[in-house]
Amino acid sequence: MNKAIVSKTFSPKKYRDLKLLLKAVSILEKMTDNAYFPDIQAKLDELKAKIQRYETSIIDSNQGGRLTTLIKGECRCELEAFLQDLATYVQLTSKGDAVVISSTGFDMHKKAARVGQLDKVQNVRIKLGSSRGSAWVICDGVDRALFYVFEYCLAPMSADSVWIQVTGSRRKMLIEGLISGQEYCFRVAAARTHPSRIWSEVVKSYVI
């Protein structure tokens, strides 16, 4: 069974000043008298002191002034660092038990959903390139695709056709080195880590 992972992210991007304060208070409240962590009172006392100092610095900084803003930033860094250390402690003590972690007020990383086969590519179209023997292969985007696989072969297509493959991160690909005046078959598949491919309908086009 996969172990749950405690989030150690407390940056301003995720938590603005007041939101971080409220998060720290919530963790303090939930870990106080928490049966899963009977020997943590000393850490909680330290957390409480840092919360109080940070709260005071926020109030002072609201009055304005460069010095109070610098002090608030320093208090925030100290609180963030302490919460990260406490998150490590929770991770080790809980041994990745999601129930234990959820009782602390800390967040957990979301488990990545397994992505299987992607949808079939739709609306493949060919646009002739600006140079001779070139063509753009364009298709609609497919949700969750990491890259696209483009294949082409000489027309008419048969069981013995040799498909030439190119890949790209975008849903359009310029294919060059084609034979002018020759008709080609094109197809596209959206791809991720799953090895299977669901190919689009084959589209034919002459190349100039």
C-alpha atoms as a PDB file:
ATOM      1  CA  MET A   1       0.000   0.000   0.000  1.00  0.00           C
ATOM      2  CA  ASN A   2       1.319   3.444  -0.913  1.00  0.00           C
ATOM      3  CA  LYS A   3       2.307   5.617   2.019  1.00  0.00           C
ATOM      4  CA  ALA A   4       0.796   9.065   2.417  1.00  0.00           C
ATOM      5  CA  ILE A   5       3.255  11.959   2.182  1.00  0.00           C
ATOM      6  CA  VAL A   6       2.996  15.030   4.408  1.00  0.00           C
ATOM      7  CA  SER A   7       3.155  18.299   2.483  1.00  0.00           C
ATOM      8  CA  LYS A   8       5.998  20.580   3.552  1.00  0.00           C
ATOM      9  CA  THR A   9       5.016  23.504   1.358  1.00  0.00           C
ATOM     10  CA  PHE A  10       4.267  26.700   3.278  1.00  0.00           C
ATOM     11  CA  SER A  11       5.501  29.277   0.771  1.00  0.00           C
ATOM     12  CA  PRO A  12       3.733  32.623   0.189  1.00  0.00           C
ATOM     13  CA  LYS A  13       2.511  31.272  -3.134  1.00  0.00           C
ATOM     14  CA  LYS A  14       0.382  28.735  -1.272  1.00  0.00           C
ATOM     15  CA  TYR A  15      -0.202  30.609   1.987  1.00  0.00           C
ATOM     16  CA  ARG A  16      -0.521  34.361   2.286  1.00  0.00           C
ATOM     17  CA  ASP A  17       0.406  35.827   5.664  1.00  0.00           C
ATOM     18  CA  LEU A  18      -2.937  35.427   7.455  1.00  0.00           C
ATOM     19  CA  LYS A  19      -3.621  32.077   5.818  1.00  0.00           C
ATOM     20  CA  LEU A  20      -0.281  30.744   7.079  1.00  0.00           C
ATOM     21  CA  LEU A  21      -1.102  32.008  10.565  1.00  0.00           C
ATOM     22  CA  LEU A  22      -4.470  30.230  10.530  1.00  0.00           C
ATOM     23  CA  LYS A  23      -2.865  27.037   9.208  1.00  0.00           C
ATOM     24  CA  ALA A  24      -0.276  27.043  11.986  1.00  0.00           C
ATOM     25  CA  VAL A  25      -2.970  27.645  14.615  1.00  0.00           C
ATOM     26  CA  SER A  26      -5.022  24.754  13.217  1.00  0.00           C
ATOM     27  CA  ILE A  27      -2.007  22.416  13.385  1.00  0.00           C
ATOM     28  CA  LEU A  28      -1.316  23.523  16.963  1.00  0.00           C
ATOM     29  CA  GLU A  29      -4.902  22.858  18.014  1.00  0.00           C
ATOM     30  CA  LYS A  30      -5.153  19.469  16.321  1.00  0.00           C
ATOM     31  CA  MET A  31      -1.830  18.209  17.645  1.00  0.00           C
ATOM     32  CA  THR A  32      -2.538  19.309  21.209  1.00  0.00           C
ATOM     33  CA  ASP A  33      -3.603  16.236  23.240  1.00  0.00           C
ATOM     34  CA  ASN A  34      -3.397  14.144  20.073  1.00  0.00           C
ATOM     35  CA  ALA A  35      -3.175  10.507  21.166  1.00  0.00           C
ATOM     36  CA  TYR A  36      -0.989   9.635  18.189  1.00  0.00           C
ATOM     37  CA  PHE A  37       1.704  12.050  19.418  1.00  0.00           C
ATOM     38  CA  PRO A  38       1.943  11.762  23.230  1.00  0.00           C
ATOM     39  CA  ASP A  39       5.478  13.166  23.542  1.00  0.00           C
ATOM     40  CA  ILE A  40       5.219  16.314  21.450  1.00  0.00           C
ATOM     41  CA  GLN A  41       4.321  19.004  23.985  1.00  0.00           C
ATOM     42  CA  ALA A  42       7.769  20.628  23.928  1.00  0.00           C
ATOM     43  CA  LYS A  43       7.532  21.059  20.146  1.00  0.00           C
ATOM     44  CA  LEU A  44       4.020  22.459  20.467  1.00  0.00           C
ATOM     45  CA  ASP A  45       5.148  25.003  23.051  1.00  0.00           C
ATOM     46  CA  GLU A  46       7.798  26.163  20.620  1.00  0.00           C
ATOM     47  CA  LEU A  47       5.254  26.288  17.794  1.00  0.00           C
ATOM     48  CA  LYS A  48       2.906  28.370  19.957  1.00  0.00           C
ATOM     49  CA  ALA A  49       5.681  30.874  20.677  1.00  0.00           C
ATOM     50  CA  LYS A  50       6.511  31.232  16.979  1.00  0.00           C
ATOM     51  CA  ILE A  51       2.829  31.680  16.125  1.00  0.00           C
ATOM     52  CA  GLN A  52       2.482  34.453  18.708  1.00  0.00           C
ATOM     53  CA  ARG A  53       5.595  36.209  17.458  1.00  0.00           C
ATOM     54  CA  TYR A  54       4.438  35.941  13.856  1.00  0.00           C
ATOM     55  CA  GLU A  55       0.960  37.239  14.714  1.00  0.00           C
ATOM     56  CA  THR A  56       2.463  40.250  16.499  1.00  0.00           C
ATOM     57  CA  SER A  57       4.732  40.957  13.526  1.00  0.00           C
ATOM     58  CA  ILE A  58       1.730  40.961  11.171  1.00  0.00           C
ATOM     59  CA  ILE A  59      -0.116  43.467  13.350  1.00  0.00           C
ATOM     60  CA  ASP A  60       2.968  45.698  13.596  1.00  0.00           C
ATOM     61  CA  SER A  61       3.621  45.567   9.859  1.00  0.00           C
ATOM     62  CA  ASN A  62       0.088  46.762   9.150  1.00  0.00           C
ATOM     63  CA  GLN A  63       1.102  50.076  10.749  1.00  0.00           C
ATOM     64  CA  GLY A  64       3.678  50.472   7.966  1.00  0.00           C
ATOM     65  CA  GLY A  65       7.418  50.857   8.000  1.00  0.00           C
ATOM     66  CA  ARG A  66      10.288  49.004   6.399  1.00  0.00           C
ATOM     67  CA  LEU A  67      11.636  47.618   9.669  1.00  0.00           C
ATOM     68  CA  THR A  68       8.331  46.024  10.719  1.00  0.00           C
ATOM     69  CA  THR A  69       8.006  44.457   7.260  1.00  0.00           C
ATOM     70  CA  LEU A  70      11.491  42.960   7.549  1.00  0.00           C
ATOM     71  CA  ILE A  71      10.699  41.600  11.020  1.00  0.00           C
ATOM     72  CA  LYS A  72       7.491  40.036   9.716  1.00  0.00           C
ATOM     73  CA  GLY A  73       9.424  38.354   6.909  1.00  0.00           C
ATOM     74  CA  GLU A  74      11.935  36.997   9.411  1.00  0.00           C
ATOM     75  CA  CYS A  75       9.156  35.673  11.672  1.00  0.00           C
ATOM     76  CA  ARG A  76       7.458  34.063   8.726  1.00  0.00           C
ATOM     77  CA  CYS A  77      10.645  32.287   7.636  1.00  0.00           C
ATOM     78  CA  GLU A  78      11.127  30.949  11.168  1.00  0.00           C
ATOM     79  CA  LEU A  79       7.537  29.681  11.304  1.00  0.00           C
ATOM     80  CA  GLU A  80       7.780  28.075   7.851  1.00  0.00           C
ATOM     81  CA  ALA A  81      11.024  26.309   8.798  1.00  0.00           C
ATOM     82  CA  PHE A  82       9.548  25.047  12.059  1.00  0.00           C
ATOM     83  CA  LEU A  83       6.417  23.746  10.330  1.00  0.00           C
ATOM     84  CA  GLN A  84       8.602  21.923   7.803  1.00  0.00           C
ATOM     85  CA  ASP A  85      10.573  20.274  10.626  1.00  0.00           C
ATOM     86  CA  LEU A  86       7.336  19.354  12.380  1.00  0.00           C
ATOM     87  CA  ALA A  87       5.983  17.908   9.118  1.00  0.00           C
ATOM     88  CA  THR A  88       9.066  15.680   8.920  1.00  0.00           C
ATOM     89  CA  TYR A  89       8.446  14.536  12.488  1.00  0.00           C
ATOM     90  CA  VAL A  90       4.820  13.739  11.659  1.00  0.00           C
ATOM     91  CA  GLN A  91       5.886  11.813   8.554  1.00  0.00           C
ATOM     92  CA  LEU A  92       8.341   9.653  10.497  1.00  0.00           C
ATOM     93  CA  THR A  93       6.031   9.069  13.457  1.00  0.00           C
ATOM     94  CA  SER A  94       2.966   8.291  11.356  1.00  0.00           C
ATOM     95  CA  LYS A  95       4.920   5.966   9.035  1.00  0.00           C
ATOM     96  CA  GLY A  96       2.803   7.287   6.187  1.00  0.00           C
ATOM     97  CA  ASP A  97      -0.554   6.432   7.782  1.00  0.00           C
ATOM     98  CA  ALA A  98      -3.068   8.811   6.198  1.00  0.00           C
ATOM     99  CA  VAL A  99      -5.431   8.627   9.192  1.00  0.00           C
ATOM    100  CA  VAL A 100      -2.676   9.695  11.585  1.00  0.00           C
ATOM    101  CA  ILE A 101      -1.494  12.473   9.305  1.00  0.00           C
ATOM    102  CA  SER A 102      -5.004  13.839   8.777  1.00  0.00           C
ATOM    103  CA  SER A 103      -5.415  14.145  12.561  1.00  0.00           C
ATOM    104  CA  THR A 104      -2.573  16.689  12.706  1.00  0.00           C
ATOM    105  CA  GLY A 105      -3.922  19.394  10.428  1.00  0.00           C
ATOM    106  CA  PHE A 106      -1.098  18.963   7.936  1.00  0.00           C
ATOM    107  CA  ASP A 107      -1.942  18.517   4.267  1.00  0.00           C
ATOM    108  CA  MET A 108      -0.971  15.461   2.265  1.00  0.00           C
ATOM    109  CA  HIS A 109       0.265  15.288  -1.295  1.00  0.00           C
ATOM    110  CA  LYS A 110      -2.408  14.130  -3.663  1.00  0.00           C
ATOM    111  CA  LYS A 111      -1.767  10.710  -5.110  1.00  0.00           C
ATOM    112  CA  ALA A 112      -1.135  10.835  -8.822  1.00  0.00           C
ATOM    113  CA  ALA A 113      -3.950   9.271 -10.767  1.00  0.00           C
ATOM    114  CA  ARG A 114      -2.910   6.475 -13.055  1.00  0.00           C
ATOM    115  CA  VAL A 115      -3.475   7.478 -16.643  1.00  0.00           C
ATOM    116  CA  GLY A 116      -4.296   4.677 -19.048  1.00  0.00           C
ATOM    117  CA  GLN A 117      -5.084   4.898 -22.731  1.00  0.00           C
ATOM    118  CA  LEU A 118      -5.778   8.372 -24.025  1.00  0.00           C
ATOM    119  CA  ASP A 119      -8.684   9.335 -26.241  1.00  0.00           C
ATOM    120  CA  LYS A 120      -8.552   8.937 -29.977  1.00  0.00           C
ATOM    121  CA  VAL A 121      -7.197  11.981 -31.814  1.00  0.00           C
ATOM    122  CA  GLN A 122      -9.855  13.828 -33.752  1.00  0.00           C
ATOM    123  CA  ASN A 123      -9.974  16.239 -36.691  1.00  0.00           C
ATOM    124  CA  VAL A 124      -6.630  15.489 -38.343  1.00  0.00           C
ATOM    125  CA  ARG A 125      -5.974  17.835 -41.237  1.00  0.00           C
ATOM    126  CA  ILE A 126      -3.126  18.525 -43.616  1.00  0.00           C
ATOM    127  CA  LYS A 127      -1.830  21.940 -44.585  1.00  0.00           C
ATOM    128  CA  LEU A 128       0.823  22.196 -47.264  1.00  0.00           C
ATOM    129  CA  GLY A 129       4.110  23.702 -46.108  1.00  0.00           C
ATOM    130  CA  SER A 130       5.790  26.793 -47.546  1.00  0.00           C
ATOM    131  CA  SER A 131       8.573  24.757 -49.122  1.00  0.00           C
ATOM    132  CA  ARG A 132       8.295  21.935 -51.673  1.00  0.00           C
ATOM    133  CA  GLY A 133       7.885  18.473 -50.205  1.00  0.00           C
ATOM    134  CA  SER A 134       6.616  19.682 -46.840  1.00  0.00           C
ATOM    135  CA  ALA A 135       3.274  19.475 -45.041  1.00  0.00           C
ATOM    136  CA  TRP A 136       1.849  20.412 -41.665  1.00  0.00           C
ATOM    137  CA  VAL A 137      -0.107  17.690 -39.857  1.00  0.00           C
ATOM    138  CA  ILE A 138      -2.520  19.285 -37.393  1.00  0.00           C
ATOM    139  CA  CYS A 139      -5.055  17.737 -34.997  1.00  0.00           C
ATOM    140  CA  ASP A 140      -7.274  18.638 -32.043  1.00  0.00           C
ATOM    141  CA  GLY A 141      -5.658  18.442 -28.613  1.00  0.00           C
ATOM    142  CA  VAL A 142      -6.231  15.455 -26.336  1.00  0.00           C
ATOM    143  CA  ASP A 143      -6.631  15.872 -22.591  1.00  0.00           C
ATOM    144  CA  ARG A 144      -3.625  14.673 -20.508  1.00  0.00           C
ATOM    145  CA  ALA A 145      -1.435  13.993 -23.548  1.00  0.00           C
ATOM    146  CA  LEU A 146       2.279  14.528 -22.953  1.00  0.00           C
ATOM    147  CA  PHE A 147       3.211  14.299 -26.611  1.00  0.00           C
ATOM    148  CA  TYR A 148       1.849  13.335 -30.003  1.00  0.00           C
ATOM    149  CA  VAL A 149       3.015  10.652 -32.407  1.00  0.00           C
ATOM    150  CA  PHE A 150       2.714  11.451 -36.117  1.00  0.00           C
ATOM    151  CA  GLU A 151       3.018   8.743 -38.761  1.00  0.00           C
ATOM    152  CA  TYR A 152       2.931   8.868 -42.556  1.00  0.00           C
ATOM    153  CA  CYS A 153       3.392   6.481 -45.456  1.00  0.00           C
ATOM    154  CA  LEU A 154       3.014   6.465 -49.223  1.00  0.00           C
ATOM    155  CA  ALA A 155      -0.499   6.022 -50.586  1.00  0.00           C
ATOM    156  CA  PRO A 156      -2.237   3.764 -51.249  1.00  0.00           C
ATOM    157  CA  MET A 157      -2.025   2.264 -47.772  1.00  0.00           C
ATOM    158  CA  SER A 158      -1.718  -1.492 -47.448  1.00  0.00           C
ATOM    159  CA  ALA A 159      -0.701  -4.136 -44.924  1.00  0.00           C
ATOM    160  CA  ASP A 160       2.867  -3.818 -46.217  1.00  0.00           C
ATOM    161  CA  SER A 161       3.038  -0.028 -45.889  1.00  0.00           C
ATOM    162  CA  VAL A 162       6.095   1.318 -44.095  1.00  0.00           C
ATOM    163  CA  TRP A 163       5.039   4.004 -41.642  1.00  0.00           C
ATOM    164  CA  ILE A 164       7.549   6.721 -40.784  1.00  0.00           C
ATOM    165  CA  GLN A 165       7.161   8.117 -37.285  1.00  0.00           C
ATOM    166  CA  VAL A 166       7.983  11.479 -35.714  1.00  0.00           C
ATOM    167  CA  THR A 167       7.000  12.792 -32.283  1.00  0.00           C
ATOM    168  CA  GLY A 168       6.425  16.236 -30.840  1.00  0.00           C
ATOM    169  CA  SER A 169       5.021  17.930 -27.755  1.00  0.00           C
ATOM    170  CA  ARG A 170       2.560  20.007 -29.774  1.00  0.00           C
ATOM    171  CA  ARG A 171      -0.519  18.941 -31.719  1.00  0.00           C
ATOM    172  CA  LYS A 172       0.993  20.052 -35.008  1.00  0.00           C
ATOM    173  CA  MET A 173       4.071  18.837 -36.832  1.00  0.00           C
ATOM    174  CA  LEU A 174       5.890  20.019 -39.947  1.00  0.00           C
ATOM    175  CA  ILE A 175       6.985  17.022 -41.991  1.00  0.00           C
ATOM    176  CA  GLU A 176       9.630  17.679 -44.604  1.00  0.00           C
ATOM    177  CA  GLY A 177      11.481  15.659 -47.246  1.00  0.00           C
ATOM    178  CA  LEU A 178       8.315  14.332 -48.870  1.00  0.00           C
ATOM    179  CA  ILE A 179       8.098  13.555 -52.575  1.00  0.00           C
ATOM    180  CA  SER A 180       6.425  16.338 -54.574  1.00  0.00           C
ATOM    181  CA  GLY A 181       3.364  15.164 -56.469  1.00  0.00           C
ATOM    182  CA  GLN A 182       3.041  12.019 -54.323  1.00  0.00           C
ATOM    183  CA  GLU A 183      -0.028  11.205 -52.267  1.00  0.00           C
ATOM    184  CA  TYR A 184       0.594  10.291 -48.603  1.00  0.00           C
ATOM    185  CA  CYS A 185      -1.415   8.817 -45.756  1.00  0.00           C
ATOM    186  CA  PHE A 186      -1.192  10.484 -42.337  1.00  0.00           C
ATOM    187  CA  ARG A 187      -2.352   9.513 -38.849  1.00  0.00           C
ATOM    188  CA  VAL A 188      -1.795  10.777 -35.305  1.00  0.00           C
ATOM    189  CA  ALA A 189      -1.966   9.320 -31.777  1.00  0.00           C
ATOM    190  CA  ALA A 190      -1.852  11.095 -28.429  1.00  0.00           C
ATOM    191  CA  ALA A 191       0.667   9.586 -26.030  1.00  0.00           C
ATOM    192  CA  ARG A 192       1.729   9.485 -22.422  1.00  0.00           C
ATOM    193  CA  THR A 193       3.584   6.786 -20.450  1.00  0.00           C
ATOM    194  CA  HIS A 194       1.084   4.084 -21.398  1.00  0.00           C
ATOM    195  CA  PRO A 195       2.618   2.134 -24.305  1.00  0.00           C
ATOM    196  CA  SER A 196      -0.587   1.628 -26.301  1.00  0.00           C
ATOM    197  CA  ARG A 197      -1.654   3.989 -29.081  1.00  0.00           C
ATOM    198  CA  ILE A 198      -5.125   4.736 -30.424  1.00  0.00           C
ATOM    199  CA  TRP A 199      -4.612   6.057 -33.915  1.00  0.00           C
ATOM    200  CA  SER A 200      -6.741   8.682 -35.574  1.00  0.00           C
ATOM    201  CA  GLU A 201      -8.541   8.090 -38.816  1.00  0.00           C
ATOM    202  CA  VAL A 202      -6.113   8.064 -41.750  1.00  0.00           C
ATOM    203  CA  VAL A 203      -6.100  11.258 -43.793  1.00  0.00           C
ATOM    204  CA  LYS A 204      -4.767  11.393 -47.365  1.00  0.00           C
ATOM    205  CA  SER A 205      -3.177  14.347 -49.101  1.00  0.00           C
ATOM    206  CA  TYR A 206      -1.024  15.087 -52.117  1.00  0.00           C
ATOM    207  CA  VAL A 207       2.200  16.962 -51.512  1.00  0.00           C
ATOM    208  CA  ILE A 208       3.377  19.749 -53.766  1.00  0.00           C
END
